[in-house]
C-alpha atoms as a PDB file:
ATOM      1  CA  MET A   1     -34.126  17.288 -32.139  1.00  0.00           C
ATOM      2  CA  LEU A   2     -31.604  14.480 -31.697  1.00  0.00           C
ATOM      3  CA  THR A   3     -33.059  11.356 -30.124  1.00  0.00           C
ATOM      4  CA  LEU A   4     -30.725   9.229 -28.051  1.00  0.00           C
ATOM      5  CA  PHE A   5     -31.266   5.508 -27.618  1.00  0.00           C
ATOM      6  CA  TRP A   6     -29.862   3.285 -24.884  1.00  0.00           C
ATOM      7  CA  PRO A   7     -31.031  -0.137 -26.121  1.00  0.00           C
ATOM      8  CA  GLY A   8     -31.444  -2.634 -23.324  1.00  0.00           C
ATOM      9  CA  LEU A   9     -30.121  -0.101 -20.843  1.00  0.00           C
ATOM     10  CA  LEU A  10     -32.235   1.923 -18.441  1.00  0.00           C
ATOM     11  CA  ALA A  11     -30.301   4.911 -17.158  1.00  0.00           C
ATOM     12  CA  GLY A  12     -31.709   4.593 -13.671  1.00  0.00           C
ATOM     13  CA  SER A  13     -30.973   0.884 -13.290  1.00  0.00           C
ATOM     14  CA  ALA A  14     -27.540   0.711 -14.914  1.00  0.00           C
ATOM     15  CA  THR A  15     -25.679   1.344 -11.691  1.00  0.00           C
ATOM     16  CA  ALA A  16     -27.660  -1.366  -9.939  1.00  0.00           C
ATOM     17  CA  GLN A  17     -25.664  -4.003 -11.773  1.00  0.00           C
ATOM     18  CA  SER A  18     -22.803  -5.033  -9.517  1.00  0.00           C
ATOM     19  CA  GLY A  19     -19.414  -4.125 -10.980  1.00  0.00           C
ATOM     20  CA  THR A  20     -20.821  -2.433 -14.077  1.00  0.00           C
ATOM     21  CA  ASP A  21     -18.522   0.323 -15.292  1.00  0.00           C
ATOM     22  CA  LEU A  22     -18.327   2.642 -18.299  1.00  0.00           C
ATOM     23  CA  VAL A  23     -16.696   0.020 -20.510  1.00  0.00           C
ATOM     24  CA  ASP A  24     -19.513  -2.437 -19.794  1.00  0.00           C
ATOM     25  CA  LEU A  25     -22.167   0.151 -20.618  1.00  0.00           C
ATOM     26  CA  VAL A  26     -20.518   1.216 -23.871  1.00  0.00           C
ATOM     27  CA  VAL A  27     -20.043  -2.393 -24.977  1.00  0.00           C
ATOM     28  CA  GLN A  28     -23.714  -3.110 -24.256  1.00  0.00           C
ATOM     29  CA  TRP A  29     -24.817   0.066 -26.062  1.00  0.00           C
ATOM     30  CA  SER A  30     -22.717  -0.713 -29.157  1.00  0.00           C
ATOM     31  CA  SER A  31     -23.480  -4.404 -29.564  1.00  0.00           C
ATOM     32  CA  GLY A  32     -25.937  -5.731 -32.112  1.00  0.00           C
ATOM     33  CA  ARG A  33     -26.512  -7.374 -35.479  1.00  0.00           C
ATOM     34  CA  PHE A  34     -26.494  -4.452 -37.870  1.00  0.00           C
ATOM     35  CA  ARG A  35     -26.952  -3.819 -41.574  1.00  0.00           C
ATOM     36  CA  ALA A  36     -25.344  -1.221 -43.826  1.00  0.00           C
ATOM     37  CA  PRO A  37     -27.025  -0.182 -47.106  1.00  0.00           C
ATOM     38  CA  VAL A  38     -25.218  -0.963 -50.345  1.00  0.00           C
ATOM     39  CA  HIS A  39     -26.378  -0.392 -53.924  1.00  0.00           C
ATOM     40  CA  CYS A  40     -25.164  -2.965 -56.457  1.00  0.00           C
ATOM     41  CA  GLU A  41     -25.698  -2.889 -60.217  1.00  0.00           C
ATOM     42  CA  VAL A  42     -26.800  -6.185 -61.785  1.00  0.00           C
ATOM     43  CA  ASP A  43     -27.665  -6.380 -65.504  1.00  0.00           C
ATOM     44  CA  GLY A  44     -27.710  -2.607 -65.704  1.00  0.00           C
ATOM     45  CA  VAL A  45     -30.139  -2.174 -62.795  1.00  0.00           C
ATOM     46  CA  LEU A  46     -29.029  -0.646 -59.500  1.00  0.00           C
ATOM     47  CA  LYS A  47     -30.509  -2.655 -56.636  1.00  0.00           C
ATOM     48  CA  LEU A  48     -30.523  -1.859 -52.930  1.00  0.00           C
ATOM     49  CA  GLY A  49     -29.081  -4.487 -50.631  1.00  0.00           C
ATOM     50  CA  VAL A  50     -27.450  -4.629 -47.222  1.00  0.00           C
ATOM     51  CA  ARG A  51     -24.093  -5.538 -45.777  1.00  0.00           C
ATOM     52  CA  ARG A  52     -24.141  -7.568 -42.546  1.00  0.00           C
ATOM     53  CA  VAL A  53     -22.058  -6.121 -39.720  1.00  0.00           C
ATOM     54  CA  THR A  54     -22.000  -7.790 -36.313  1.00  0.00           C
ATOM     55  CA  ILE A  55     -20.730  -5.965 -33.228  1.00  0.00           C
ATOM     56  CA  GLU A  56     -20.491  -8.126 -30.124  1.00  0.00           C
ATOM     57  CA  PRO A  57     -18.683  -8.274 -26.782  1.00  0.00           C
ATOM     58  CA  LEU A  58     -15.491 -10.233 -26.323  1.00  0.00           C
ATOM     59  CA  LYS A  59     -15.215 -11.358 -22.719  1.00  0.00           C
ATOM     60  CA  ILE A  60     -11.670 -11.454 -21.381  1.00  0.00           C
ATOM     61  CA  PRO A  61     -11.232 -13.040 -17.918  1.00  0.00           C
ATOM     62  CA  GLY A  62      -9.922 -10.486 -15.438  1.00  0.00           C
ATOM     63  CA  ARG A  63     -10.025  -7.653 -17.984  1.00  0.00           C
ATOM     64  CA  PRO A  64     -12.631  -5.226 -19.361  1.00  0.00           C
ATOM     65  CA  PRO A  65     -14.565  -6.601 -22.351  1.00  0.00           C
ATOM     66  CA  ASN A  66     -13.621  -5.591 -25.870  1.00  0.00           C
ATOM     67  CA  LEU A  67     -15.802  -5.321 -28.948  1.00  0.00           C
ATOM     68  CA  VAL A  68     -15.484  -7.498 -32.030  1.00  0.00           C
ATOM     69  CA  VAL A  69     -16.676  -6.059 -35.352  1.00  0.00           C
ATOM     70  CA  ARG A  70     -17.299  -8.678 -38.052  1.00  0.00           C
ATOM     71  CA  PHE A  71     -17.975  -8.030 -41.734  1.00  0.00           C
ATOM     72  CA  THR A  72     -19.782 -10.725 -43.703  1.00  0.00           C
ATOM     73  CA  ASP A  73     -18.875 -11.223 -47.359  1.00  0.00           C
ATOM     74  CA  LEU A  74     -21.465  -9.594 -49.654  1.00  0.00           C
ATOM     75  CA  HIS A  75     -21.162 -12.324 -52.288  1.00  0.00           C
ATOM     76  CA  PRO A  76     -21.874  -9.729 -55.013  1.00  0.00           C
ATOM     77  CA  GLY A  77     -21.979 -12.411 -57.718  1.00  0.00           C
ATOM     78  CA  GLU A  78     -22.482 -10.853 -61.157  1.00  0.00           C
ATOM     79  CA  ALA A  79     -22.708  -7.274 -59.894  1.00  0.00           C
ATOM     80  CA  SER A  80     -20.751  -4.899 -62.119  1.00  0.00           C
ATOM     81  CA  ARG A  81     -20.301  -2.397 -59.288  1.00  0.00           C
ATOM     82  CA  CYS A  82     -21.456  -1.502 -55.782  1.00  0.00           C
ATOM     83  CA  VAL A  83     -21.786   2.083 -54.564  1.00  0.00           C
ATOM     84  CA  ASP A  84     -23.043   4.064 -51.599  1.00  0.00           C
ATOM     85  CA  SER A  85     -25.852   6.628 -51.686  1.00  0.00           C
ATOM     86  CA  ARG A  86     -23.468   9.244 -53.075  1.00  0.00           C
ATOM     87  CA  GLY A  87     -22.341   7.030 -55.934  1.00  0.00           C
ATOM     88  CA  GLN A  88     -18.921   6.335 -54.436  1.00  0.00           C
ATOM     89  CA  PRO A  89     -17.453   2.819 -54.808  1.00  0.00           C
ATOM     90  CA  ASN A  90     -18.514   0.507 -51.994  1.00  0.00           C
ATOM     91  CA  PRO A  91     -16.145  -2.476 -51.859  1.00  0.00           C
ATOM     92  CA  ASN A  92     -16.845  -5.948 -50.568  1.00  0.00           C
ATOM     93  CA  LEU A  93     -15.546  -6.357 -47.009  1.00  0.00           C
ATOM     94  CA  SER A  94     -14.774  -9.449 -44.964  1.00  0.00           C
ATOM     95  CA  GLY A  95     -12.850  -9.992 -41.766  1.00  0.00           C
ATOM     96  CA  SER A  96     -12.997  -8.853 -38.171  1.00  0.00           C
ATOM     97  CA  LEU A  97     -11.552  -6.226 -35.846  1.00  0.00           C
ATOM     98  CA  GLN A  98     -11.158  -6.067 -32.091  1.00  0.00           C
ATOM     99  CA  LEU A  99     -11.869  -2.712 -30.420  1.00  0.00           C
ATOM    100  CA  ARG A 100     -11.038  -1.500 -26.933  1.00  0.00           C
ATOM    101  CA  LEU A 101     -12.457   1.500 -25.118  1.00  0.00           C
ATOM    102  CA  PRO A 102      -9.507   3.347 -23.518  1.00  0.00           C
ATOM    103  CA  GLY A 103      -9.654   3.921 -19.776  1.00  0.00           C
ATOM    104  CA  ARG A 104     -11.899   2.509 -17.107  1.00  0.00           C
ATOM    105  CA  ALA A 105     -14.428   4.318 -14.949  1.00  0.00           C
ATOM    106  CA  HIS A 106     -15.570   3.487 -11.438  1.00  0.00           C
ATOM    107  CA  PRO A 107     -18.921   1.649 -11.263  1.00  0.00           C
ATOM    108  CA  GLU A 108     -20.436   4.324  -9.038  1.00  0.00           C
ATOM    109  CA  THR A 109     -20.039   7.000 -11.749  1.00  0.00           C
ATOM    110  CA  ALA A 110     -20.461   4.762 -14.819  1.00  0.00           C
ATOM    111  CA  ALA A 111     -24.035   5.709 -15.730  1.00  0.00           C
ATOM    112  CA  ARG A 112     -23.334   9.423 -15.315  1.00  0.00           C
ATOM    113  CA  ASP A 113     -20.099   9.216 -17.344  1.00  0.00           C
ATOM    114  CA  PHE A 114     -21.917   7.292 -20.058  1.00  0.00           C
ATOM    115  CA  ARG A 115     -24.714   9.859 -20.352  1.00  0.00           C
ATOM    116  CA  GLN A 116     -22.380  12.843 -20.271  1.00  0.00           C
ATOM    117  CA  THR A 117     -20.006  11.428 -22.891  1.00  0.00           C
ATOM    118  CA  LEU A 118     -22.845  10.484 -25.227  1.00  0.00           C
ATOM    119  CA  LYS A 119     -24.446  13.900 -24.823  1.00  0.00           C
ATOM    120  CA  ARG A 120     -21.165  15.753 -25.380  1.00  0.00           C
ATOM    121  CA  LYS A 121     -19.509  13.632 -28.071  1.00  0.00           C
ATOM    122  CA  LYS A 122     -22.544  11.795 -29.533  1.00  0.00           C
ATOM    123  CA  GLY A 123     -20.529   8.583 -29.526  1.00  0.00           C
ATOM    124  CA  PHE A 124     -17.423   6.788 -28.332  1.00  0.00           C
ATOM    125  CA  GLU A 125     -13.865   6.393 -29.635  1.00  0.00           C
ATOM    126  CA  PHE A 126     -12.021   3.082 -29.502  1.00  0.00           C
ATOM    127  CA  ALA A 127      -8.504   1.806 -30.073  1.00  0.00           C
ATOM    128  CA  ILE A 128      -8.256  -0.987 -32.634  1.00  0.00           C
ATOM    129  CA  VAL A 129      -6.366  -3.772 -30.865  1.00  0.00           C
ATOM    130  CA  GLU A 130      -6.027  -6.033 -33.874  1.00  0.00           C
ATOM    131  CA  GLY A 131      -7.722  -7.144 -37.039  1.00  0.00           C
ATOM    132  CA  ILE A 132      -7.352  -7.485 -40.793  1.00  0.00           C
ATOM    133  CA  VAL A 133     -10.060  -6.614 -43.298  1.00  0.00           C
ATOM    134  CA  LYS A 134     -10.141  -7.922 -46.851  1.00  0.00           C
ATOM    135  CA  ILE A 135     -11.175  -5.055 -49.140  1.00  0.00           C
ATOM    136  CA  GLU A 136     -12.230  -6.205 -52.587  1.00  0.00           C
ATOM    137  CA  PRO A 137     -13.438  -3.874 -55.381  1.00  0.00           C
ATOM    138  CA  VAL A 138     -16.684  -5.158 -56.901  1.00  0.00           C
ATOM    139  CA  GLY A 139     -16.780  -5.788 -60.651  1.00  0.00           C
ATOM    140  CA  GLN A 140     -13.134  -4.826 -61.121  1.00  0.00           C
ATOM    141  CA  PRO A 141     -11.164  -8.045 -61.656  1.00  0.00           C
ATOM    142  CA  GLU A 142      -8.110  -6.024 -62.652  1.00  0.00           C
ATOM    143  CA  GLN A 143      -7.919  -4.733 -59.067  1.00  0.00           C
ATOM    144  CA  PRO A 144      -6.965  -7.557 -56.690  1.00  0.00           C
ATOM    145  CA  PRO A 145      -8.311  -7.587 -53.132  1.00  0.00           C
ATOM    146  CA  ARG A 146      -6.220  -5.936 -50.436  1.00  0.00           C
ATOM    147  CA  LEU A 147      -5.641  -7.150 -46.888  1.00  0.00           C
ATOM    148  CA  VAL A 148      -5.523  -4.064 -44.667  1.00  0.00           C
ATOM    149  CA  ASN A 149      -4.123  -4.354 -41.148  1.00  0.00           C
ATOM    150  CA  PHE A 150      -6.067  -2.085 -38.783  1.00  0.00           C
ATOM    151  CA  ARG A 151      -4.013  -2.903 -35.693  1.00  0.00           C
ATOM    152  CA  GLY A 152      -3.089   0.301 -33.888  1.00  0.00           C
ATOM    153  CA  GLY A 153      -5.799   2.271 -35.661  1.00  0.00           C
ATOM    154  CA  GLU A 154      -8.807   4.210 -34.387  1.00  0.00           C
ATOM    155  CA  ALA A 155     -12.539   3.554 -34.421  1.00  0.00           C
ATOM    156  CA  ARG A 156     -15.655   5.501 -33.589  1.00  0.00           C
ATOM    157  CA  ILE A 157     -19.267   4.414 -33.142  1.00  0.00           C
ATOM    158  CA  GLY A 158     -21.668   7.299 -32.832  1.00  0.00           C
ATOM    159  CA  LEU A 159     -25.197   8.549 -33.206  1.00  0.00           C
ATOM    160  CA  ILE A 160     -26.402   9.832 -36.553  1.00  0.00           C
ATOM    161  CA  TYR A 161     -27.143  13.538 -36.833  1.00  0.00           C
ATOM    162  CA  PRO A 162     -30.359  14.641 -38.586  1.00  0.00           C
ATOM    163  CA  ALA A 163     -30.060  16.095 -42.111  1.00  0.00           C
ATOM    164  CA  THR A 164     -26.765  14.300 -42.801  1.00  0.00           C
ATOM    165  CA  ASP A 165     -25.867  11.941 -45.651  1.00  0.00           C
ATOM    166  CA  GLU A 166     -26.011   9.041 -43.183  1.00  0.00           C
ATOM    167  CA  ALA A 167     -29.483  10.018 -41.951  1.00  0.00           C
ATOM    168  CA  ARG A 168     -30.776  10.281 -45.515  1.00  0.00           C
ATOM    169  CA  GLU A 169     -29.218   6.953 -46.452  1.00  0.00           C
ATOM    170  CA  LEU A 170     -31.024   5.192 -43.611  1.00  0.00           C
ATOM    171  CA  LYS A 171     -34.308   7.103 -43.910  1.00  0.00           C
ATOM    172  CA  SER A 172     -36.167   4.219 -45.569  1.00  0.00           C
ATOM    173  CA  PHE A 173     -35.093   1.689 -42.932  1.00  0.00           C
ATOM    174  CA  LYS A 174     -37.276   1.412 -39.838  1.00  0.00           C
ATOM    175  CA  SER A 175     -35.103   0.938 -36.804  1.00  0.00           C
ATOM    176  CA  GLN A 176     -34.751   2.202 -33.252  1.00  0.00           C
ATOM    177  CA  ARG A 177     -30.974   1.873 -33.490  1.00  0.00           C
ATOM    178  CA  LYS A 178     -29.047   3.792 -36.123  1.00  0.00           C
ATOM    179  CA  PHE A 179     -25.327   4.462 -35.779  1.00  0.00           C
ATOM    180  CA  VAL A 180     -22.440   5.583 -37.911  1.00  0.00           C
ATOM    181  CA  MET A 181     -19.147   3.687 -37.647  1.00  0.00           C
ATOM    182  CA  SER A 182     -15.735   4.922 -38.764  1.00  0.00           C
ATOM    183  CA  LEU A 183     -12.577   2.822 -38.816  1.00  0.00           C
ATOM    184  CA  LYS A 184      -9.113   4.188 -39.585  1.00  0.00           C
ATOM    185  CA  ALA A 185      -6.005   2.060 -40.096  1.00  0.00           C
ATOM    186  CA  PRO A 186      -2.488   3.337 -39.350  1.00  0.00           C
ATOM    187  CA  SER A 187      -1.906   3.314 -43.124  1.00  0.00           C
ATOM    188  CA  GLY A 188      -4.663   5.919 -43.542  1.00  0.00           C
ATOM    189  CA  GLU A 189      -7.220   3.490 -44.985  1.00  0.00           C
ATOM    190  CA  THR A 190     -10.665   4.550 -43.755  1.00  0.00           C
ATOM    191  CA  LEU A 191     -14.012   2.749 -43.689  1.00  0.00           C
ATOM    192  CA  HIS A 192     -17.110   4.803 -42.941  1.00  0.00           C
ATOM    193  CA  MET A 193     -20.654   3.452 -42.958  1.00  0.00           C
ATOM    194  CA  PRO A 194     -24.104   4.057 -41.496  1.00  0.00           C
ATOM    195  CA  LEU A 195     -25.572   1.115 -39.609  1.00  0.00           C
ATOM    196  CA  PHE A 196     -29.074   0.125 -38.560  1.00  0.00           C
ATOM    197  CA  GLU A 197     -30.377  -2.800 -36.563  1.00  0.00           C
ATOM    198  CA  PRO A 198     -33.432  -4.366 -38.235  1.00  0.00           C
ATOM    199  CA  THR A 199     -36.628  -4.037 -36.247  1.00  0.00           C
ATOM    200  CA  ALA A 200     -37.904  -7.398 -35.049  1.00  0.00           C
ATOM    201  CA  ARG A 201     -41.181  -8.440 -36.688  1.00  0.00           C
END
């Protein structure tokens, strides 16, 4: 059974907020200070760490809010490599992207549209307005970092399905909020990662 979470958002009270529309609800649902698992090898030992990914609203006067996705440098130090749970290279990322949810719904149908879209699509698609990400292979000095322009690309933030690679990768992390984020640049460069928001202690 797939469990859906609306952090900080009660379905019955969402429409009570004056002027709240679908964009507002999706921005609120998506925002948070997340982590993404990353395994880095140091002195021959593979250690589990996390990448910091912040997703937060960008308020624009007179316009619907956008989302800003920020990647914090891993500072891998002496790591000889970093990989994901499947053993695939997991590069160091830094930079930020600005996302926009296409369209705008009327406040009176916002909560219903939000629920129906999440139930049907299990997430939301965004247009990438602008942003450059520095992608740097870990432990491979012969491969210089690349600056990838994601402007004009596509993004998706969605729920994680049970029995998937993403669900297994996040199984050991206790969190009420687990998402999967995909980012695709016009060049074809793709970033795909599971995210969790640490549970407050």
